[in-house]
Protein backbone atom coordinates (compact mmCIF):
# COMPACT_ATOMS: atom_id res chain seq x y z
CA UNK A 1 0.00 0.00 0.00
CA UNK A 2 0.99 3.63 -0.42
CA UNK A 3 3.21 5.43 2.09
CA UNK A 4 1.69 8.86 1.32
CA UNK A 5 -0.73 10.63 3.66
CA UNK A 6 -3.89 8.57 4.11
CA UNK A 7 -7.11 10.49 4.61
CA UNK A 8 -10.54 9.27 5.63
CA UNK A 9 -12.73 11.77 3.78
CA UNK A 10 -15.95 10.91 5.61
CA UNK A 11 -16.08 10.59 9.39
CA UNK A 12 -18.76 11.65 11.85
CA UNK A 13 -18.70 12.73 15.48
CA UNK A 14 -21.71 13.67 17.53
CA UNK A 15 -22.58 14.39 21.15
CA UNK A 16 -26.14 13.86 22.32
CA UNK A 17 -25.53 16.48 24.98
CA UNK A 18 -24.67 19.10 22.37
CA UNK A 19 -27.56 18.79 19.91
CA UNK A 20 -30.69 16.79 19.09
CA UNK A 21 -29.72 14.99 15.85
CA UNK A 22 -33.38 14.57 14.97
CA UNK A 23 -32.75 11.62 12.64
CA UNK A 24 -31.08 9.62 15.42
CA UNK A 25 -33.14 7.72 17.98
CA UNK A 26 -33.13 4.56 20.11
CA UNK A 27 -34.18 2.55 17.06
CA UNK A 28 -30.59 2.97 15.82
CA UNK A 29 -29.34 0.73 18.61
CA UNK A 30 -25.63 1.20 19.42
CA UNK A 31 -25.43 4.30 17.21
CA UNK A 32 -27.70 6.12 19.66
CA UNK A 33 -24.79 7.31 21.75
CA UNK A 34 -22.16 10.03 21.72
CA UNK A 35 -19.02 9.38 19.66
CA UNK A 36 -15.89 11.27 20.57
CA UNK A 37 -12.73 12.44 18.85
CA UNK A 38 -10.69 10.15 21.11
CA UNK A 39 -12.65 7.09 20.01
CA UNK A 40 -12.32 8.06 16.36
CA UNK A 41 -8.57 8.66 16.67
CA UNK A 42 -8.07 5.14 18.01
CA UNK A 43 -10.00 3.63 15.10
CA UNK A 44 -8.08 5.65 12.52
CA UNK A 45 -4.75 4.79 14.09
CA UNK A 46 -5.50 1.08 14.12
CA UNK A 47 -6.27 1.24 10.39
CA UNK A 48 -3.18 3.27 9.56
CA UNK A 49 -5.16 6.37 8.59
CA UNK A 50 -3.37 9.67 9.20
CA UNK A 51 -6.28 12.08 9.36
CA UNK A 52 -9.92 12.65 8.50
CA UNK A 53 -12.53 15.07 7.24
CA UNK A 54 -15.38 15.56 9.72
CA UNK A 55 -18.76 15.45 8.01
CA UNK A 56 -21.88 17.19 9.31
CA UNK A 57 -24.47 14.98 11.01
CA UNK A 58 -27.17 17.61 11.42
CA UNK A 59 -28.48 20.58 9.46
CA UNK A 60 -27.55 23.10 12.14
CA UNK A 61 -24.96 25.70 13.00
CA UNK A 62 -24.58 24.01 16.40
CA UNK A 63 -23.28 20.82 14.78
CA UNK A 64 -20.86 22.73 12.55
CA UNK A 65 -19.46 24.73 15.47
CA UNK A 66 -19.12 21.48 17.45
CA UNK A 67 -16.96 19.98 14.69
CA UNK A 68 -14.85 23.12 14.28
CA UNK A 69 -14.16 23.17 18.02
CA UNK A 70 -12.96 19.57 17.78
CA UNK A 71 -10.81 20.50 14.78
CA UNK A 72 -9.14 23.19 16.89
CA UNK A 73 -8.16 20.60 19.49
CA UNK A 74 -7.04 17.72 17.26
CA UNK A 75 -4.43 17.86 14.49
CA UNK A 76 -5.71 14.64 12.92
CA UNK A 77 -8.88 16.53 11.94
CA UNK A 78 -7.80 17.86 8.55
CA UNK A 79 -11.04 19.56 7.58
CA UNK A 80 -14.71 20.07 8.36
CA UNK A 81 -17.68 19.91 6.00
CA UNK A 82 -20.47 21.79 7.73
CA UNK A 83 -23.87 23.31 7.02
CA UNK A 84 -25.46 26.59 5.97
CA UNK A 85 -29.09 27.29 5.12
CA UNK A 86 -28.91 26.83 1.37
CA UNK A 87 -32.55 27.71 0.72
CA UNK A 88 -31.95 31.23 2.03
CA UNK A 89 -29.14 32.92 0.12
CA UNK A 90 -28.74 35.68 2.72
CA UNK A 91 -28.48 33.11 5.53
CA UNK A 92 -26.07 31.03 3.47
CA UNK A 93 -23.81 34.03 2.92
CA UNK A 94 -23.83 34.88 6.62
CA UNK A 95 -23.02 31.28 7.49
CA UNK A 96 -20.21 31.12 4.97
CA UNK A 97 -18.84 34.42 6.29
CA UNK A 98 -18.68 32.92 9.78
CA UNK A 99 -17.30 29.51 8.90
CA UNK A 100 -14.75 30.87 6.42
CA UNK A 101 -12.87 32.43 9.32
CA UNK A 102 -11.90 28.95 10.48
CA UNK A 103 -8.85 27.55 8.65
CA UNK A 104 -10.17 23.97 8.66
CA UNK A 105 -13.60 24.70 7.20
CA UNK A 106 -13.68 22.93 3.84
CA UNK A 107 -17.22 22.55 2.50
CA UNK A 108 -20.99 22.31 2.83
CA UNK A 109 -23.48 19.46 3.07
CA UNK A 110 -27.27 19.27 3.50
CA UNK A 111 -29.09 16.14 4.70
CA UNK A 112 -31.03 15.64 1.49
CA UNK A 113 -32.65 12.39 2.55
CA UNK A 114 -34.26 14.15 5.53
CA UNK A 115 -35.59 17.04 3.43
CA UNK A 116 -39.13 16.39 2.14
CA UNK A 117 -38.72 18.69 -0.87
CA UNK A 118 -38.22 16.58 -4.00
CA UNK A 119 -36.74 19.45 -6.00
CA UNK A 120 -34.50 20.93 -3.32
CA UNK A 121 -31.44 21.25 -5.55
CA UNK A 122 -33.51 22.97 -8.24
CA UNK A 123 -34.71 25.77 -5.95
CA UNK A 124 -33.49 29.19 -7.09
CA UNK A 125 -32.12 30.26 -3.67
CA UNK A 126 -30.33 26.92 -3.30
CA UNK A 127 -28.68 27.40 -6.70
CA UNK A 128 -27.65 30.93 -5.74
CA UNK A 129 -26.22 29.68 -2.44
CA UNK A 130 -24.28 26.92 -4.17
CA UNK A 131 -22.86 29.48 -6.58
CA UNK A 132 -21.63 31.38 -3.51
CA UNK A 133 -20.11 28.17 -2.09
CA UNK A 134 -18.24 27.73 -5.37
CA UNK A 135 -17.12 31.37 -5.48
CA UNK A 136 -15.46 30.94 -2.09
CA UNK A 137 -13.68 27.78 -3.20
CA UNK A 138 -15.54 25.25 -1.05
CA UNK A 139 -16.89 21.84 -2.06
CA UNK A 140 -20.49 20.66 -1.86
CA UNK A 141 -21.02 17.12 -0.56
CA UNK A 142 -24.16 15.54 -2.04
CA UNK A 143 -25.77 13.39 0.63
CA UNK A 144 -27.59 10.08 -0.13
CA UNK A 145 -28.51 11.30 -3.59
CA UNK A 146 -30.00 8.28 -5.33
CA UNK A 147 -32.78 7.97 -6.34
CA UNK A 148 -34.32 11.33 -5.38
CA UNK A 149 -31.52 13.80 -5.98
CA UNK A 150 -28.77 12.31 -8.13
CA UNK A 151 -30.12 13.56 -11.45
CA UNK A 152 -30.68 16.98 -9.89
CA UNK A 153 -27.07 16.95 -8.72
CA UNK A 154 -26.00 16.27 -12.29
CA UNK A 155 -27.95 19.33 -13.40
CA UNK A 156 -26.24 21.40 -10.70
CA UNK A 157 -22.84 20.20 -11.91
CA UNK A 158 -23.69 21.21 -15.49
CA UNK A 159 -25.11 24.59 -14.51
CA UNK A 160 -22.39 25.48 -11.99
CA UNK A 161 -19.15 24.16 -13.54
CA UNK A 162 -17.09 26.11 -11.02
CA UNK A 163 -18.63 24.11 -8.12
CA UNK A 164 -17.03 20.83 -7.01
CA UNK A 165 -19.69 18.25 -6.12
CA UNK A 166 -18.69 15.23 -4.03
CA UNK A 167 -21.09 12.29 -4.26
CA UNK A 168 -21.17 10.76 -0.80
CA UNK A 169 -21.39 6.96 -0.67
CA UNK A 170 -21.52 6.82 -4.50
CA UNK A 171 -25.16 7.81 -4.14
CA UNK A 172 -25.93 4.63 -2.15
CA UNK A 173 -25.98 2.04 -4.99
CA UNK A 174 -28.84 -0.45 -4.58
CA UNK A 175 -26.58 -3.49 -4.77
CA UNK A 176 -28.42 -6.74 -5.38
CA UNK A 177 -31.59 -5.03 -6.60
CA UNK A 178 -33.15 -4.47 -10.00
CA UNK A 179 -32.73 -0.72 -9.49
CA UNK A 180 -28.95 -1.04 -9.84
CA UNK A 181 -29.19 -0.45 -13.61
CA UNK A 182 -30.99 2.86 -13.03
CA UNK A 183 -28.37 3.91 -10.48
CA UNK A 184 -25.62 2.99 -12.96
CA UNK A 185 -27.15 5.26 -15.61
CA UNK A 186 -27.52 8.16 -13.20
CA UNK A 187 -24.05 7.94 -11.68
CA UNK A 188 -22.45 7.62 -15.11
CA UNK A 189 -24.14 10.85 -16.20
CA UNK A 190 -23.08 12.53 -12.95
CA UNK A 191 -19.48 11.37 -13.35
CA UNK A 192 -19.41 12.64 -16.93
CA UNK A 193 -19.32 16.17 -15.49
CA UNK A 194 -15.66 17.09 -14.89
CA UNK A 195 -16.41 18.93 -11.62
CA UNK A 196 -17.74 15.82 -9.85
CA UNK A 197 -16.08 13.49 -7.35
CA UNK A 198 -17.09 10.03 -6.12
CA UNK A 199 -16.69 8.98 -2.50
CA UNK A 200 -16.09 5.30 -1.74
CA UNK A 201 -17.97 5.22 1.55
CA UNK A 202 -20.98 3.55 3.19
CA UNK A 203 -21.41 0.88 0.52
CA UNK A 204 -23.09 -1.57 2.89
CA UNK A 205 -26.69 -2.65 2.26
CA UNK A 206 -28.81 -4.44 4.87
CA UNK A 207 -30.04 -6.86 2.21
CA UNK A 208 -26.73 -7.55 0.43
CA UNK A 209 -23.36 -9.02 1.49
CA UNK A 210 -20.41 -6.74 2.12
CA UNK A 211 -17.35 -8.56 0.82
CA UNK A 212 -14.64 -7.85 -1.73
CA UNK A 213 -16.48 -9.88 -4.35
CA UNK A 214 -19.84 -8.31 -3.53
CA UNK A 215 -18.51 -4.74 -3.69
CA UNK A 216 -16.31 -5.21 -6.75
CA UNK A 217 -19.04 -4.42 -9.31
CA UNK A 218 -19.79 -0.94 -7.99
CA UNK A 219 -16.12 -0.32 -7.18
CA UNK A 220 -15.10 -1.10 -10.76
CA UNK A 221 -17.93 1.00 -12.16
CA UNK A 222 -16.84 3.94 -10.02
CA UNK A 223 -13.26 3.52 -11.26
CA UNK A 224 -14.42 3.55 -14.87
CA UNK A 225 -16.74 6.50 -14.35
CA UNK A 226 -14.57 8.82 -12.25
CA UNK A 227 -11.01 7.54 -12.54
CA UNK A 228 -8.83 7.40 -9.46
CA UNK A 229 -8.06 11.12 -9.58
CA UNK A 230 -11.75 11.78 -8.87
CA UNK A 231 -12.32 9.10 -6.24
CA UNK A 232 -11.71 9.29 -2.50
CA UNK A 233 -12.02 6.89 0.43
CA UNK A 234 -14.37 7.44 3.37
CA UNK A 235 -14.97 5.15 6.35
CA UNK A 236 -18.32 6.63 7.47
CA UNK A 237 -17.58 5.79 11.10
CA UNK A 238 -19.46 5.48 13.47
CA UNK A 239 -22.26 4.52 11.06
CA UNK A 240 -20.33 1.26 10.62
CA UNK A 241 -20.63 0.38 14.32
CA UNK A 242 -23.68 -1.93 13.92
CA UNK A 243 -21.73 -3.88 11.28
CA UNK A 244 -18.60 -4.43 13.34
CA UNK A 245 -17.05 -0.98 13.32
CA UNK A 246 -14.22 0.62 11.41
CA UNK A 247 -11.93 -2.36 10.83
CA UNK A 248 -14.18 -4.70 8.77
CA UNK A 249 -15.43 -1.82 6.61
CA UNK A 250 -11.87 -0.64 5.95
CA UNK A 251 -10.63 -4.17 5.29
CA UNK A 252 -12.89 -4.71 2.28
CA UNK A 253 -12.21 -1.34 0.68
CA UNK A 254 -8.49 -1.44 1.40
CA UNK A 255 -8.20 -4.81 -0.34
CA UNK A 256 -9.86 -3.44 -3.46
CA UNK A 257 -7.85 -0.22 -3.38
CA UNK A 258 -4.72 -2.30 -2.83
CA UNK A 259 -5.18 -3.87 -6.26
CA UNK A 260 -4.53 -0.47 -7.88
CA UNK A 261 -1.14 0.87 -8.88
CA UNK A 262 0.84 2.90 -6.34
CA UNK A 263 -0.10 6.32 -7.76
CA UNK A 264 -3.75 5.26 -8.06
CA UNK A 265 -3.80 4.16 -4.43
CA UNK A 266 -2.29 7.48 -3.40
CA UNK A 267 -5.05 9.33 -5.24
CA UNK A 268 -7.94 7.40 -3.70
CA UNK A 269 -6.44 7.27 -0.20
CA UNK A 270 -5.43 10.89 0.03
CA UNK A 271 -4.58 12.75 -3.14
CA UNK A 272 -8.13 13.43 -4.27
CA UNK A 273 -9.27 14.50 -0.80
CA UNK A 274 -6.20 16.71 -0.41
CA UNK A 275 -7.02 18.52 -3.65
CA UNK A 276 -10.80 18.74 -3.27
CA UNK A 277 -10.78 19.85 0.37
CA UNK A 278 -7.58 21.91 0.06
CA UNK A 279 -5.71 19.97 2.73
CA UNK A 280 -2.07 20.73 3.46
CA UNK A 281 -1.21 18.18 6.13
CA UNK A 282 -1.84 17.13 9.75
CA UNK A 283 -0.57 20.49 11.02
CA UNK A 284 -2.78 22.52 8.67
CA UNK A 285 -4.14 25.46 10.66
């Protein structure tokens, strides 16, 4: 495997004493707990990962400030993807003004799967806010896009070529289902836009096995569609806790990534994330 800086481009932390996390309840079993920077650092270290991008877990300023405070205290936190109110351009600008003062703020995400609006990414104020995100040089992570929002995200990429769109979890491919062909069509069209990135994260399905052989089809398709210079690795911890935690999730993806050439591995395991999120190293301040 590569000896270059390894980055997990998709890691969550949350504290139930800090915010509500309305999507998270007792029905999530072991996930319904607080997950700390110290716990995450141990998991990353055991896997040989040098640093991570913290990803928002709630559409709130409280959650974003929580992550930025953690970034201040921990050098292994290389960047934070937070939240602003995209459907209000004035609020988005104020949020971006505030977050931009922090040297580890790297991008924006909105919990699309929790938003009831089918055409959220087509709303005029959202488009204007995303144009502002692009103008300031930040990325936009597209959350759980397929099937509701992936085609809309493709339209955003076409209409805002200066905006970098990162497709979290490859849009959640419906592995083992008839809908996989539809996902393949949509992600291929998305990847055809040069300002798009694919994130190899959260590829588990409750109704499909998670093994090297089972994942290979979508992994290979992502390689063909994006190329390694537009793919990045993400562990999606602690969402992996119910399935055994960080190690078994990393093991499958690392074996597939390990089949690539040295430079290709470096791209997926750090180079793409370094470029997209403007990361300079563990001491980036």
